[in-house]
């Protein structure tokens, strides 16, 4: 396997993980925009499930050597901060 192919696979894996993270980020932002509605347990369950799934995807990509562990932590950390913002905003409401 050539170095170019490996690099391409790593870039593709990282792009796919970022794409999945962006979908979760959009779910969080929709919830932040609609804080006038009571907190929806189903919506929270979906977010938790999505976050868990993404963490498993990242773990798998790290174990395959396709994604650096720090990059994976960075993706999850950014989403966790967004979730924290959502929880903070809902408590203030």
PDB file of N, CA and C in Angstrom:
ATOM      1  N   UNK A   1       0.851  -1.170   0.000  1.00  0.00           N
ATOM      2  CA  UNK A   1       0.000   0.000   0.000  1.00  0.00           C
ATOM      3  C   UNK A   1       0.900   1.237   0.000  1.00  0.00           C
ATOM      4  N   UNK A   2       0.635   2.172  -0.869  1.00  0.00           N
ATOM      5  CA  UNK A   2       1.481   3.348  -0.983  1.00  0.00           C
ATOM      6  C   UNK A   2       1.169   4.354   0.122  1.00  0.00           C
ATOM      7  N   UNK A   3       2.133   5.215   0.401  1.00  0.00           N
ATOM      8  CA  UNK A   3       1.960   6.254   1.423  1.00  0.00           C
ATOM      9  C   UNK A   3       0.832   7.203   1.034  1.00  0.00           C
ATOM     10  N   UNK A   4       0.695   7.455  -0.264  1.00  0.00           N
ATOM     11  CA  UNK A   4      -0.378   8.345  -0.736  1.00  0.00           C
ATOM     12  C   UNK A   4      -1.749   7.752  -0.449  1.00  0.00           C
ATOM     13  N   UNK A   5      -1.869   6.436  -0.624  1.00  0.00           N
ATOM     14  CA  UNK A   5      -3.137   5.761  -0.389  1.00  0.00           C
ATOM     15  C   UNK A   5      -3.493   5.816   1.103  1.00  0.00           C
ATOM     16  N   UNK A   6      -2.502   5.568   1.958  1.00  0.00           N
ATOM     17  CA  UNK A   6      -2.732   5.606   3.405  1.00  0.00           C
ATOM     18  C   UNK A   6      -3.147   7.007   3.825  1.00  0.00           C
ATOM     19  N   UNK A   7      -2.435   8.025   3.311  1.00  0.00           N
ATOM     20  CA  UNK A   7      -2.774   9.400   3.647  1.00  0.00           C
ATOM     21  C   UNK A   7      -4.190   9.730   3.178  1.00  0.00           C
ATOM     22  N   UNK A   8      -4.543   9.278   1.982  1.00  0.00           N
ATOM     23  CA  UNK A   8      -5.890   9.503   1.463  1.00  0.00           C
ATOM     24  C   UNK A   8      -6.950   8.848   2.330  1.00  0.00           C
ATOM     25  N   UNK A   9      -6.679   7.634   2.802  1.00  0.00           N
ATOM     26  CA  UNK A   9      -7.622   6.938   3.685  1.00  0.00           C
ATOM     27  C   UNK A   9      -7.780   7.683   5.007  1.00  0.00           C
ATOM     28  N   UNK A  10      -6.682   8.180   5.531  1.00  0.00           N
ATOM     29  CA  UNK A  10      -6.735   8.926   6.800  1.00  0.00           C
ATOM     30  C   UNK A  10      -7.537  10.206   6.642  1.00  0.00           C
ATOM     31  N   UNK A  11      -7.307  10.903   5.542  1.00  0.00           N
ATOM     32  CA  UNK A  11      -8.054  12.142   5.292  1.00  0.00           C
ATOM     33  C   UNK A  11      -9.537  11.854   5.113  1.00  0.00           C
ATOM     34  N   UNK A  12      -9.843  10.775   4.414  1.00  0.00           N
ATOM     35  CA  UNK A  12     -11.245  10.403   4.193  1.00  0.00           C
ATOM     36  C   UNK A  12     -11.913  10.026   5.521  1.00  0.00           C
ATOM     37  N   UNK A  13     -11.213   9.249   6.351  1.00  0.00           N
ATOM     38  CA  UNK A  13     -11.772   8.859   7.655  1.00  0.00           C
ATOM     39  C   UNK A  13     -12.038  10.086   8.509  1.00  0.00           C
ATOM     40  N   UNK A  14     -11.085  11.012   8.546  1.00  0.00           N
ATOM     41  CA  UNK A  14     -11.260  12.224   9.349  1.00  0.00           C
ATOM     42  C   UNK A  14     -12.425  13.052   8.810  1.00  0.00           C
ATOM     43  N   UNK A  15     -12.539  13.162   7.492  1.00  0.00           N
ATOM     44  CA  UNK A  15     -13.634  13.920   6.891  1.00  0.00           C
ATOM     45  C   UNK A  15     -14.991  13.296   7.226  1.00  0.00           C
ATOM     46  N   UNK A  16     -15.069  11.972   7.208  1.00  0.00           N
ATOM     47  CA  UNK A  16     -16.326  11.297   7.549  1.00  0.00           C
ATOM     48  C   UNK A  16     -16.701  11.526   9.009  1.00  0.00           C
ATOM     49  N   UNK A  17     -15.711  11.468   9.891  1.00  0.00           N
ATOM     50  CA  UNK A  17     -15.980  11.714  11.308  1.00  0.00           C
ATOM     51  C   UNK A  17     -16.434  13.153  11.528  1.00  0.00           C
ATOM     52  N   UNK A  18     -15.780  14.096  10.854  1.00  0.00           N
ATOM     53  CA  UNK A  18     -16.184  15.499  10.975  1.00  0.00           C
ATOM     54  C   UNK A  18     -17.600  15.702  10.446  1.00  0.00           C
ATOM     55  N   UNK A  19     -17.943  15.005   9.372  1.00  0.00           N
ATOM     56  CA  UNK A  19     -19.291  15.106   8.812  1.00  0.00           C
ATOM     57  C   UNK A  19     -20.330  14.600   9.813  1.00  0.00           C
ATOM     58  N   UNK A  20     -20.055  13.470  10.444  1.00  0.00           N
ATOM     59  CA  UNK A  20     -20.976  12.945  11.459  1.00  0.00           C
ATOM     60  C   UNK A  20     -21.068  13.900  12.650  1.00  0.00           C
ATOM     61  N   UNK A  21     -19.942  14.468  13.033  1.00  0.00           N
ATOM     62  CA  UNK A  21     -19.928  15.433  14.144  1.00  0.00           C
ATOM     63  C   UNK A  21     -20.747  16.671  13.775  1.00  0.00           C
ATOM     64  N   UNK A  22     -20.661  17.109  12.528  1.00  0.00           N
ATOM     65  CA  UNK A  22     -21.429  18.273  12.088  1.00  0.00           C
ATOM     66  C   UNK A  22     -22.930  18.009  12.168  1.00  0.00           C
ATOM     67  N   UNK A  23     -23.349  16.800  11.871  1.00  0.00           N
ATOM     68  CA  UNK A  23     -24.778  16.449  11.968  1.00  0.00           C
ATOM     69  C   UNK A  23     -25.241  16.548  13.416  1.00  0.00           C
ATOM     70  N   UNK A  24     -24.416  16.083  14.340  1.00  0.00           N
ATOM     71  CA  UNK A  24     -24.763  16.170  15.761  1.00  0.00           C
ATOM     72  C   UNK A  24     -24.778  17.631  16.196  1.00  0.00           C
ATOM     73  N   UNK A  25     -23.798  18.396  15.745  1.00  0.00           N
ATOM     74  CA  UNK A  25     -23.728  19.821  16.070  1.00  0.00           C
ATOM     75  C   UNK A  25     -25.002  20.526  15.605  1.00  0.00           C
ATOM     76  N   UNK A  26     -25.510  20.163  14.428  1.00  0.00           N
ATOM     77  CA  UNK A  26     -26.746  20.765  13.921  1.00  0.00           C
ATOM     78  C   UNK A  26     -27.932  20.425  14.820  1.00  0.00           C
ATOM     79  N   UNK A  27     -27.995  19.190  15.302  1.00  0.00           N
ATOM     80  CA  UNK A  27     -29.066  18.805  16.221  1.00  0.00           C
ATOM     81  C   UNK A  27     -29.012  19.651  17.492  1.00  0.00           C
ATOM     82  N   UNK A  28     -27.809  19.854  17.995  1.00  0.00           N
ATOM     83  CA  UNK A  28     -27.632  20.655  19.213  1.00  0.00           C
ATOM     84  C   UNK A  28     -28.060  22.099  18.954  1.00  0.00           C
ATOM     85  N   UNK A  29     -27.645  22.655  17.828  1.00  0.00           N
ATOM     86  CA  UNK A  29     -27.980  24.041  17.520  1.00  0.00           C
ATOM     87  C   UNK A  29     -29.478  24.243  17.343  1.00  0.00           C
ATOM     88  N   UNK A  30     -30.160  23.271  16.749  1.00  0.00           N
ATOM     89  CA  UNK A  30     -31.614  23.355  16.615  1.00  0.00           C
ATOM     90  C   UNK A  30     -32.245  23.400  18.001  1.00  0.00           C
ATOM     91  N   UNK A  31     -31.765  22.577  18.896  1.00  0.00           N
ATOM     92  CA  UNK A  31     -32.313  22.559  20.254  1.00  0.00           C
ATOM     93  C   UNK A  31     -32.013  23.878  20.960  1.00  0.00           C
ATOM     94  N   UNK A  32     -30.820  24.438  20.760  1.00  0.00           N
ATOM     95  CA  UNK A  32     -30.477  25.724  21.374  1.00  0.00           C
ATOM     96  C   UNK A  32     -31.392  26.838  20.862  1.00  0.00           C
ATOM     97  N   UNK A  33     -31.734  26.796  19.591  1.00  0.00           N
ATOM     98  CA  UNK A  33     -32.591  27.821  18.998  1.00  0.00           C
ATOM     99  C   UNK A  33     -34.037  27.707  19.480  1.00  0.00           C
ATOM    100  N   UNK A  34     -34.427  26.541  19.942  1.00  0.00           N
ATOM    101  CA  UNK A  34     -35.825  26.299  20.323  1.00  0.00           C
ATOM    102  C   UNK A  34     -35.981  26.087  21.815  1.00  0.00           C
ATOM    103  N   UNK A  35     -35.260  26.850  22.593  1.00  0.00           N
ATOM    104  CA  UNK A  35     -35.337  26.691  24.041  1.00  0.00           C
ATOM    105  C   UNK A  35     -36.675  27.126  24.630  1.00  0.00           C
ATOM    106  N   UNK A  36     -37.520  27.710  23.802  1.00  0.00           N
ATOM    107  CA  UNK A  36     -38.830  28.101  24.297  1.00  0.00           C
ATOM    108  C   UNK A  36     -39.696  26.878  24.589  1.00  0.00           C
ATOM    109  N   UNK A  37     -39.361  25.776  23.946  1.00  0.00           N
ATOM    110  CA  UNK A  37     -40.092  24.532  24.191  1.00  0.00           C
ATOM    111  C   UNK A  37     -39.483  23.842  25.412  1.00  0.00           C
ATOM    112  N   UNK A  38     -40.267  23.108  26.169  1.00  0.00           N
ATOM    113  CA  UNK A  38     -39.697  22.352  27.281  1.00  0.00           C
ATOM    114  C   UNK A  38     -38.671  21.347  26.760  1.00  0.00           C
ATOM    115  N   UNK A  39     -37.738  21.048  27.613  1.00  0.00           N
ATOM    116  CA  UNK A  39     -36.715  20.080  27.208  1.00  0.00           C
ATOM    117  C   UNK A  39     -37.373  18.762  26.830  1.00  0.00           C
ATOM    118  N   UNK A  40     -36.954  18.228  25.732  1.00  0.00           N
ATOM    119  CA  UNK A  40     -37.558  17.003  25.215  1.00  0.00           C
ATOM    120  C   UNK A  40     -36.650  15.816  25.540  1.00  0.00           C
ATOM    121  N   UNK A  41     -37.111  14.889  26.406  1.00  0.00           N
ATOM    122  CA  UNK A  41     -36.279  13.734  26.758  1.00  0.00           C
ATOM    123  C   UNK A  41     -35.903  12.889  25.547  1.00  0.00           C
ATOM    124  N   UNK A  42     -36.812  12.788  24.594  1.00  0.00           N
ATOM    125  CA  UNK A  42     -36.522  12.004  23.392  1.00  0.00           C
ATOM    126  C   UNK A  42     -35.379  12.638  22.609  1.00  0.00           C
ATOM    127  N   UNK A  43     -35.406  13.949  22.490  1.00  0.00           N
ATOM    128  CA  UNK A  43     -34.343  14.663  21.776  1.00  0.00           C
ATOM    129  C   UNK A  43     -33.008  14.459  22.487  1.00  0.00           C
ATOM    130  N   UNK A  44     -33.023  14.540  23.808  1.00  0.00           N
ATOM    131  CA  UNK A  44     -31.796  14.315  24.582  1.00  0.00           C
ATOM    132  C   UNK A  44     -31.287  12.891  24.378  1.00  0.00           C
ATOM    133  N   UNK A  45     -32.198  11.941  24.322  1.00  0.00           N
ATOM    134  CA  UNK A  45     -31.824  10.543  24.106  1.00  0.00           C
ATOM    135  C   UNK A  45     -31.169  10.365  22.740  1.00  0.00           C
ATOM    136  N   UNK A  46     -31.728  11.033  21.736  1.00  0.00           N
ATOM    137  CA  UNK A  46     -31.150  10.968  20.392  1.00  0.00           C
ATOM    138  C   UNK A  46     -29.735  11.543  20.408  1.00  0.00           C
ATOM    139  N   UNK A  47     -29.558  12.696  21.049  1.00  0.00           N
ATOM    140  CA  UNK A  47     -28.223  13.305  21.124  1.00  0.00           C
ATOM    141  C   UNK A  47     -27.239  12.388  21.834  1.00  0.00           C
ATOM    142  N   UNK A  48     -27.664  11.811  22.952  1.00  0.00           N
ATOM    143  CA  UNK A  48     -26.781  10.901  23.692  1.00  0.00           C
ATOM    144  C   UNK A  48     -26.392   9.697  22.838  1.00  0.00           C
ATOM    145  N   UNK A  49     -27.369   9.146  22.131  1.00  0.00           N
ATOM    146  CA  UNK A  49     -27.107   7.997  21.275  1.00  0.00           C
ATOM    147  C   UNK A  49     -26.154   8.372  20.139  1.00  0.00           C
ATOM    148  N   UNK A  50     -26.384   9.527  19.534  1.00  0.00           N
ATOM    149  CA  UNK A  50     -25.512   9.987  18.455  1.00  0.00           C
ATOM    150  C   UNK A  50     -24.087  10.211  18.959  1.00  0.00           C
ATOM    151  N   UNK A  51     -23.951  10.811  20.131  1.00  0.00           N
ATOM    152  CA  UNK A  51     -22.623  11.055  20.706  1.00  0.00           C
ATOM    153  C   UNK A  51     -21.915   9.732  20.997  1.00  0.00           C
ATOM    154  N   UNK A  52     -22.644   8.772  21.540  1.00  0.00           N
ATOM    155  CA  UNK A  52     -22.053   7.469  21.824  1.00  0.00           C
ATOM    156  C   UNK A  52     -21.588   6.803  20.528  1.00  0.00           C
ATOM    157  N   UNK A  53     -22.456   6.840  19.507  1.00  0.00           N
ATOM    158  CA  UNK A  53     -22.093   6.245  18.220  1.00  0.00           C
ATOM    159  C   UNK A  53     -20.859   6.888  17.624  1.00  0.00           C
ATOM    160  N   UNK A  54     -20.782   8.215  17.694  1.00  0.00           N
ATOM    161  CA  UNK A  54     -19.617   8.914  17.163  1.00  0.00           C
ATOM    162  C   UNK A  54     -18.361   8.540  17.949  1.00  0.00           C
ATOM    163  N   UNK A  55     -18.485   8.418  19.257  1.00  0.00           N
ATOM    164  CA  UNK A  55     -17.307   8.046  20.055  1.00  0.00           C
ATOM    165  C   UNK A  55     -16.806   6.655  19.666  1.00  0.00           C
ATOM    166  N   UNK A  56     -17.731   5.750  19.344  1.00  0.00           N
ATOM    167  CA  UNK A  56     -17.340   4.408  18.901  1.00  0.00           C
ATOM    168  C   UNK A  56     -16.684   4.468  17.521  1.00  0.00           C
ATOM    169  N   UNK A  57     -17.218   5.293  16.635  1.00  0.00           N
ATOM    170  CA  UNK A  57     -16.617   5.461  15.309  1.00  0.00           C
ATOM    171  C   UNK A  57     -15.182   5.983  15.439  1.00  0.00           C
ATOM    172  N   UNK A  58     -15.021   6.975  16.297  1.00  0.00           N
ATOM    173  CA  UNK A  58     -13.691   7.570  16.491  1.00  0.00           C
ATOM    174  C   UNK A  58     -12.746   6.532  17.075  1.00  0.00           C
ATOM    175  N   UNK A  59     -13.214   5.796  18.067  1.00  0.00           N
ATOM    176  CA  UNK A  59     -12.377   4.764  18.677  1.00  0.00           C
ATOM    177  C   UNK A  59     -11.927   3.748  17.632  1.00  0.00           C
ATOM    178  N   UNK A  60     -12.836   3.337  16.778  1.00  0.00           N
ATOM    179  CA  UNK A  60     -12.521   2.379  15.727  1.00  0.00           C
ATOM    180  C   UNK A  60     -11.472   2.947  14.763  1.00  0.00           C
ATOM    181  N   UNK A  61     -11.675   4.190  14.340  1.00  0.00           N
ATOM    182  CA  UNK A  61     -10.735   4.829  13.414  1.00  0.00           C
ATOM    183  C   UNK A  61      -9.358   4.990  14.058  1.00  0.00           C
ATOM    184  N   UNK A  62      -9.328   5.299  15.345  1.00  0.00           N
ATOM    185  CA  UNK A  62      -8.051   5.426  16.064  1.00  0.00           C
ATOM    186  C   UNK A  62      -7.358   4.072  16.126  1.00  0.00           C
ATOM    187  N   UNK A  63      -8.111   3.031  16.442  1.00  0.00           N
ATOM    188  CA  UNK A  63      -7.528   1.693  16.540  1.00  0.00           C
ATOM    189  C   UNK A  63      -6.984   1.209  15.206  1.00  0.00           C
ATOM    190  N   UNK A  64      -7.601   1.646  14.110  1.00  0.00           N
ATOM    191  CA  UNK A  64      -7.114   1.286  12.784  1.00  0.00           C
ATOM    192  C   UNK A  64      -5.924   2.145  12.359  1.00  0.00           C
ATOM    193  N   UNK A  65      -5.650   3.185  13.131  1.00  0.00           N
ATOM    194  CA  UNK A  65      -4.555   4.078  12.786  1.00  0.00           C
ATOM    195  C   UNK A  65      -4.927   5.090  11.723  1.00  0.00           C
ATOM    196  N   UNK A  66      -6.234   5.272  11.498  1.00  0.00           N
ATOM    197  CA  UNK A  66      -6.687   6.211  10.478  1.00  0.00           C
ATOM    198  C   UNK A  66      -6.839   7.634  11.011  1.00  0.00           C
ATOM    199  N   UNK A  67      -7.036   7.750  12.321  1.00  0.00           N
ATOM    200  CA  UNK A  67      -7.224   9.051  12.943  1.00  0.00           C
ATOM    201  C   UNK A  67      -6.351   9.110  14.190  1.00  0.00           C
ATOM    202  N   UNK A  68      -5.708  10.241  14.357  1.00  0.00           N
ATOM    203  CA  UNK A  68      -4.902  10.481  15.554  1.00  0.00           C
ATOM    204  C   UNK A  68      -5.834  10.587  16.761  1.00  0.00           C
ATOM    205  N   UNK A  69      -5.446   9.994  17.865  1.00  0.00           N
ATOM    206  CA  UNK A  69      -6.285  10.001  19.063  1.00  0.00           C
ATOM    207  C   UNK A  69      -6.623  11.418  19.515  1.00  0.00           C
ATOM    208  N   UNK A  70      -5.656  12.326  19.418  1.00  0.00           N
ATOM    209  CA  UNK A  70      -5.894  13.715  19.822  1.00  0.00           C
ATOM    210  C   UNK A  70      -6.946  14.386  18.935  1.00  0.00           C
ATOM    211  N   UNK A  71      -6.913  14.093  17.643  1.00  0.00           N
ATOM    212  CA  UNK A  71      -7.926  14.660  16.740  1.00  0.00           C
ATOM    213  C   UNK A  71      -9.310  14.130  17.103  1.00  0.00           C
ATOM    214  N   UNK A  72      -9.377  12.853  17.447  1.00  0.00           N
ATOM    215  CA  UNK A  72     -10.651  12.273  17.867  1.00  0.00           C
ATOM    216  C   UNK A  72     -11.175  12.927  19.130  1.00  0.00           C
ATOM    217  N   UNK A  73     -10.281  13.140  20.083  1.00  0.00           N
ATOM    218  CA  UNK A  73     -10.677  13.804  21.334  1.00  0.00           C
ATOM    219  C   UNK A  73     -11.131  15.232  21.071  1.00  0.00           C
ATOM    220  N   UNK A  74     -10.478  15.883  20.121  1.00  0.00           N
ATOM    221  CA  UNK A  74     -10.839  17.255  19.775  1.00  0.00           C
ATOM    222  C   UNK A  74     -12.264  17.312  19.211  1.00  0.00           C
ATOM    223  N   UNK A  75     -12.595  16.386  18.328  1.00  0.00           N
ATOM    224  CA  UNK A  75     -13.943  16.343  17.747  1.00  0.00           C
ATOM    225  C   UNK A  75     -14.982  16.161  18.850  1.00  0.00           C
ATOM    226  N   UNK A  76     -14.757  15.187  19.724  1.00  0.00           N
ATOM    227  CA  UNK A  76     -15.705  14.932  20.813  1.00  0.00           C
ATOM    228  C   UNK A  76     -15.752  16.091  21.801  1.00  0.00           C
ATOM    229  N   UNK A  77     -14.605  16.693  22.065  1.00  0.00           N
ATOM    230  CA  UNK A  77     -14.546  17.816  23.003  1.00  0.00           C
ATOM    231  C   UNK A  77     -15.367  18.998  22.524  1.00  0.00           C
ATOM    232  N   UNK A  78     -15.274  19.302  21.228  1.00  0.00           N
ATOM    233  CA  UNK A  78     -16.049  20.413  20.662  1.00  0.00           C
ATOM    234  C   UNK A  78     -17.547  20.162  20.819  1.00  0.00           C
ATOM    235  N   UNK A  79     -17.954  18.935  20.536  1.00  0.00           N
ATOM    236  CA  UNK A  79     -19.378  18.602  20.679  1.00  0.00           C
ATOM    237  C   UNK A  79     -19.807  18.622  22.139  1.00  0.00           C
ATOM    238  N   UNK A  80     -18.953  18.156  23.017  1.00  0.00           N
ATOM    239  CA  UNK A  80     -19.293  18.154  24.438  1.00  0.00           C
ATOM    240  C   UNK A  80     -19.478  19.581  24.949  1.00  0.00           C
ATOM    241  N   UNK A  81     -18.642  20.503  24.474  1.00  0.00           N
ATOM    242  CA  UNK A  81     -18.801  21.905  24.870  1.00  0.00           C
ATOM    243  C   UNK A  81     -20.142  22.450  24.378  1.00  0.00           C
ATOM    244  N   UNK A  82     -20.542  22.058  23.158  1.00  0.00           N
ATOM    245  CA  UNK A  82     -21.848  22.485  22.638  1.00  0.00           C
ATOM    246  C   UNK A  82     -22.983  21.914  23.488  1.00  0.00           C
ATOM    247  N   UNK A  83     -22.841  20.654  23.869  1.00  0.00           N
ATOM    248  CA  UNK A  83     -23.858  20.041  24.727  1.00  0.00           C
ATOM    249  C   UNK A  83     -23.917  20.737  26.082  1.00  0.00           C
ATOM    250  N   UNK A  84     -22.756  21.092  26.610  1.00  0.00           N
ATOM    251  CA  UNK A  84     -22.718  21.819  27.880  1.00  0.00           C
ATOM    252  C   UNK A  84     -23.427  23.164  27.750  1.00  0.00           C
ATOM    253  N   UNK A  85     -23.216  23.840  26.616  1.00  0.00           N
ATOM    254  CA  UNK A  85     -23.909  25.109  26.364  1.00  0.00           C
ATOM    255  C   UNK A  85     -25.416  24.894  26.347  1.00  0.00           C
ATOM    256  N   UNK A  86     -25.844  23.810  25.714  1.00  0.00           N
ATOM    257  CA  UNK A  86     -27.271  23.502  25.647  1.00  0.00           C
ATOM    258  C   UNK A  86     -27.838  23.257  27.037  1.00  0.00           C
ATOM    259  N   UNK A  87     -27.148  22.470  27.832  1.00  0.00           N
ATOM    260  CA  UNK A  87     -27.642  22.178  29.186  1.00  0.00           C
ATOM    261  C   UNK A  87     -27.665  23.442  30.041  1.00  0.00           C
ATOM    262  N   UNK A  88     -26.648  24.273  29.898  1.00  0.00           N
ATOM    263  CA  UNK A  88     -26.592  25.521  30.644  1.00  0.00           C
ATOM    264  C   UNK A  88     -27.755  26.425  30.258  1.00  0.00           C
ATOM    265  N   UNK A  89     -27.980  26.552  28.965  1.00  0.00           N
ATOM    266  CA  UNK A  89     -29.060  27.406  28.473  1.00  0.00           C
ATOM    267  C   UNK A  89     -30.417  26.893  28.926  1.00  0.00           C
ATOM    268  N   UNK A  90     -30.605  25.592  28.954  1.00  0.00           N
ATOM    269  CA  UNK A  90     -31.900  25.037  29.356  1.00  0.00           C
ATOM    270  C   UNK A  90     -32.121  25.215  30.857  1.00  0.00           C
ATOM    271  N   UNK A  91     -31.057  25.192  31.640  1.00  0.00           N
ATOM    272  CA  UNK A  91     -31.191  25.401  33.091  1.00  0.00           C
ATOM    273  C   UNK A  91     -31.540  26.855  33.381  1.00  0.00           C
ATOM    274  N   UNK A  92     -30.935  27.769  32.622  1.00  0.00           N
ATOM    275  CA  UNK A  92     -31.214  29.208  32.809  1.00  0.00           C
ATOM    276  C   UNK A  92     -32.621  29.557  32.397  1.00  0.00           C
ATOM    277  N   UNK A  93     -33.211  28.816  31.488  1.00  0.00           N
ATOM    278  CA  UNK A  93     -34.526  29.128  30.927  1.00  0.00           C
ATOM    279  C   UNK A  93     -35.615  29.022  31.931  1.00  0.00           C
TER     280      UNK A  93
END
